[in-house]
Each structure stands twice: as C-alpha cells, then as structure tokens.
Protein backbone atom coordinates (compact mmCIF):
# COMPACT_ATOMS: atom_id res chain seq x y z
CA MET A 1 -10.36 0.26 -45.56
CA LEU A 2 -14.03 0.40 -46.98
CA LYS A 3 -14.57 -3.14 -46.03
CA HIS A 4 -13.19 -2.57 -42.44
CA LEU A 5 -15.62 0.71 -42.05
CA THR A 6 -18.68 -1.21 -43.65
CA ARG A 7 -18.07 -4.00 -40.95
CA GLY A 8 -17.74 -1.68 -38.19
CA ILE A 9 -21.01 0.38 -39.17
CA LEU A 10 -22.60 -2.93 -39.20
CA LEU A 11 -21.46 -4.40 -35.94
CA ALA A 12 -22.42 -0.71 -34.42
CA THR A 13 -26.06 -1.16 -35.91
CA LEU A 14 -26.34 -4.57 -34.46
CA ALA A 15 -25.47 -3.37 -31.08
CA LEU A 16 -28.24 -0.62 -30.66
CA PRO A 17 -31.37 -1.75 -29.24
CA ALA A 18 -34.65 -2.13 -30.87
CA LEU A 19 -36.94 0.86 -31.07
CA ALA A 20 -40.04 1.65 -32.30
CA GLU A 21 -42.69 4.60 -31.59
CA GLY A 22 -41.20 5.02 -28.46
CA ILE A 23 -40.77 1.63 -27.14
CA MET A 24 -36.90 0.37 -26.57
CA ILE A 25 -35.98 -3.11 -26.34
CA LYS A 26 -32.66 -3.69 -24.26
CA ASP A 27 -30.78 -6.62 -23.10
CA GLY A 28 -32.98 -9.28 -24.74
CA TYR A 29 -32.01 -13.18 -25.17
CA VAL A 30 -33.62 -16.57 -25.17
CA ARG A 31 -33.25 -19.60 -22.86
CA THR A 32 -33.94 -23.27 -23.27
CA ALA A 33 -34.79 -25.43 -20.36
CA ARG A 34 -32.45 -27.94 -21.56
CA PRO A 35 -30.64 -28.86 -24.81
CA GLY A 36 -32.84 -30.26 -27.07
CA ALA A 37 -35.77 -28.83 -25.40
CA PRO A 38 -39.16 -28.18 -27.15
CA ASN A 39 -39.71 -24.85 -25.49
CA ALA A 40 -37.61 -21.72 -24.64
CA ALA A 41 -38.35 -18.12 -23.33
CA ALA A 42 -37.19 -14.92 -23.87
CA PHE A 43 -36.23 -12.26 -21.57
CA MET A 44 -35.76 -8.56 -21.99
CA GLN A 45 -35.97 -5.08 -20.79
CA ILE A 46 -38.96 -3.08 -22.42
CA MET A 47 -38.57 0.75 -21.76
CA ASN A 48 -41.36 3.41 -23.05
CA THR A 49 -39.97 6.63 -23.66
CA THR A 50 -43.19 8.31 -24.31
CA ALA A 51 -45.53 9.86 -22.14
CA THR A 52 -48.44 7.72 -22.75
CA ALA A 53 -48.58 4.16 -21.34
CA ASP A 54 -48.51 1.16 -23.59
CA ARG A 55 -49.06 -2.56 -23.53
CA LEU A 56 -47.33 -5.30 -24.87
CA ILE A 57 -50.28 -7.66 -26.06
CA ALA A 58 -49.01 -10.02 -28.37
CA VAL A 59 -45.67 -11.97 -29.66
CA ARG A 60 -45.07 -13.72 -33.19
CA ALA A 61 -42.15 -15.88 -33.52
CA GLU A 62 -40.41 -17.38 -36.79
CA GLY A 63 -39.88 -21.39 -36.01
CA VAL A 64 -42.61 -21.62 -32.84
CA ARG A 65 -45.69 -23.15 -33.09
CA LYS A 66 -47.28 -21.20 -29.89
CA PRO A 67 -45.68 -18.14 -28.75
CA GLU A 68 -47.15 -16.66 -25.83
CA LEU A 69 -46.85 -14.19 -23.16
CA HIS A 70 -46.40 -15.98 -19.58
CA THR A 71 -46.00 -14.84 -16.06
CA HIS A 72 -45.41 -17.16 -13.06
CA ASP A 73 -47.46 -17.40 -9.98
CA ILE A 74 -47.02 -18.89 -6.69
CA ASN A 75 -49.67 -20.71 -4.98
CA PRO A 76 -49.91 -19.26 -1.45
CA GLU A 77 -50.92 -22.73 0.10
CA THR A 78 -48.25 -24.98 -1.70
CA GLY A 79 -45.53 -22.36 -2.30
CA VAL A 80 -45.16 -23.80 -5.49
CA ALA A 81 -44.71 -21.74 -8.72
CA ARG A 82 -46.55 -22.33 -12.00
CA MET A 83 -46.46 -20.48 -15.39
CA ARG A 84 -49.47 -19.44 -17.08
CA PRO A 85 -50.17 -17.19 -20.09
CA VAL A 86 -51.38 -13.60 -19.25
CA GLU A 87 -54.57 -12.38 -20.79
CA GLY A 88 -54.66 -8.80 -21.82
CA GLY A 89 -50.92 -8.33 -22.08
CA PHE A 90 -48.13 -6.69 -19.87
CA ALA A 91 -48.59 -2.94 -18.97
CA ILE A 92 -45.71 -0.71 -20.20
CA PRO A 93 -45.93 2.52 -17.90
CA ALA A 94 -45.45 6.11 -19.67
CA GLY A 95 -41.76 6.90 -19.33
CA GLY A 96 -41.04 3.73 -17.19
CA ILE A 97 -39.86 0.09 -17.81
CA HIS A 98 -41.20 -3.55 -17.49
CA SER A 99 -38.64 -6.39 -17.07
CA LEU A 100 -39.36 -9.65 -18.73
CA ALA A 101 -37.08 -11.88 -16.40
CA ARG A 102 -36.85 -15.40 -15.22
CA GLY A 103 -39.15 -16.15 -12.66
CA GLY A 104 -41.45 -13.52 -13.81
CA ASP A 105 -43.12 -12.26 -16.68
CA HIS A 106 -41.47 -13.47 -20.05
CA VAL A 107 -42.15 -14.75 -23.74
CA MET A 108 -42.63 -18.58 -23.78
CA LEU A 109 -41.65 -20.00 -26.95
CA MET A 110 -43.57 -23.47 -27.20
CA GLY A 111 -43.37 -25.98 -29.84
CA LEU A 112 -39.96 -25.02 -31.43
CA GLU A 113 -39.74 -26.36 -35.13
CA THR A 114 -36.28 -27.06 -34.51
CA PRO A 115 -34.27 -27.21 -30.92
CA LEU A 116 -32.05 -24.06 -30.22
CA SER A 117 -28.60 -24.02 -29.12
CA ASP A 118 -26.41 -21.32 -27.66
CA GLY A 119 -25.33 -18.58 -30.11
CA GLN A 120 -28.44 -19.18 -32.39
CA THR A 121 -30.66 -16.19 -33.13
CA VAL A 122 -34.35 -16.21 -32.77
CA GLU A 123 -36.76 -13.76 -34.81
CA LEU A 124 -39.61 -12.26 -32.68
CA THR A 125 -42.07 -9.56 -33.33
CA LEU A 126 -43.45 -8.20 -30.05
CA ILE A 127 -46.94 -6.34 -30.71
CA PHE A 128 -47.77 -3.39 -28.77
CA GLU A 129 -51.29 -1.58 -28.28
CA THR A 130 -50.05 1.65 -29.20
CA ALA A 131 -46.55 1.57 -30.71
CA GLY A 132 -47.52 -1.35 -33.16
CA GLU A 133 -44.93 -4.18 -33.89
CA VAL A 134 -41.13 -4.31 -33.01
CA PRO A 135 -39.06 -6.92 -34.62
CA LEU A 136 -36.30 -8.29 -32.51
CA SER A 137 -33.38 -10.84 -33.21
CA LEU A 138 -32.44 -12.55 -30.17
CA THR A 139 -29.52 -14.79 -29.16
CA VAL A 140 -30.12 -17.97 -27.49
CA ASP A 141 -27.68 -17.75 -24.48
CA ASN A 142 -28.26 -20.82 -22.02
CA GLN A 143 -25.08 -19.52 -19.90
CA ARG A 144 -26.47 -16.36 -18.76
CA ALA A 145 -27.26 -15.98 -15.12
CA PRO A 146 -29.88 -13.47 -13.97
CA LYS A 147 -28.49 -9.98 -13.23
CA ALA A 148 -28.91 -8.84 -9.68
CA GLY A 149 -32.15 -7.48 -8.90
CA HIS A 150 -33.91 -8.34 -12.35
CA GLY A 151 -35.43 -11.89 -11.09
CA HIS A 152 -38.96 -10.36 -11.31
CA GLY A 153 -40.58 -7.90 -13.08
CA HIS A 154 -40.49 -4.34 -12.62
CA SER A 155 -43.76 -2.66 -13.75
CA GLY A 156 -44.42 0.75 -12.62
CA HIS A 157 -40.98 1.70 -12.41
CA SER A 158 -39.83 4.77 -14.00
CA MET A 159 -36.48 5.12 -15.62
CA ALA A 160 -35.02 7.19 -18.35
CA PRO A 161 -33.56 5.27 -20.98
CA LYS A 162 -29.87 4.36 -20.80
CA THR A 163 -27.36 4.33 -23.62
CA ASN A 164 -24.81 1.71 -23.47
C-alpha cells in the first residue's frame, strides 16, 4: 500500500506545472524537425502570476551546444518565413501569458549532442530577468499537433492561471 501511495504522490508531483517566483510553465514539449535532426525546438505557455512584468532573457539546456530564444519573421516582399534569434528576450506581461508556439516565438535547441526521439526528456533552465531560473524537464513529442489558436505568440494577453 505504501508503495502505491508513494508512486501516486510522485506521479501527481510530475503532473504539476513548473512554478518559480510567480512564473508558471504549462503544456511544454520538445519537437525535432525529423528523426536524427541536429536541432529541436521547445514550446510552452509561460504565465506570469505577479503584478509585475518580467522577461525571459536566456535559456540553458543539457546536451545542447547552442540553446537560443528564437522567433519567426515573414519577409513582406517574398512571404517567406525565417527563424532568427531574439535579442533582449520575450516580455511576459504582469498577470498575463506568452506562448512559445510553432510558427512563432520558441526555444531553439541547436547542436544536440545526441539525437532525440519521442518520449525522451530534455532538461532546460529558463532564465528570467526578475523571477530568476526555472528548471524544466520537457518530453519530446514529435506527434503533437498545435492546439487550435496556439500557432502564434500571445504576448500581452491577460489570463488567470488555470489548474488542470
């Protein structure tokens, strides 16, 4: 019985979103472009539960040579999208949410030391201007489709944190 109780507590703890100093990370995952790809990207919802704006300014990742904060730009003349690093990071509004989503802002993981496959975990540390460091373990999920309405950033949207 104690064994089942301990396992239940562990599983409940793993299901909780990451939270540090008013920053909550939910719905995070990693995706590779193709099997064996040298790069991957991480996506998530970043919620600021405080009354003060914050900024995601950097990221560290185990087993990754060059983790960066990235976004997509569309060339107005050609309509072609391109990824680029973001200088200065992502603003996380007070009481709001910022989505790191496919086709928008994201964490780019360039130079993977070993290829990733579905089900593996990637250890990241998000670094915020005010909240400090938020460690995360994200699962690789290459089968995941974007959720409706989450293919772009939501900077500036106010949203009370949900509990699931």
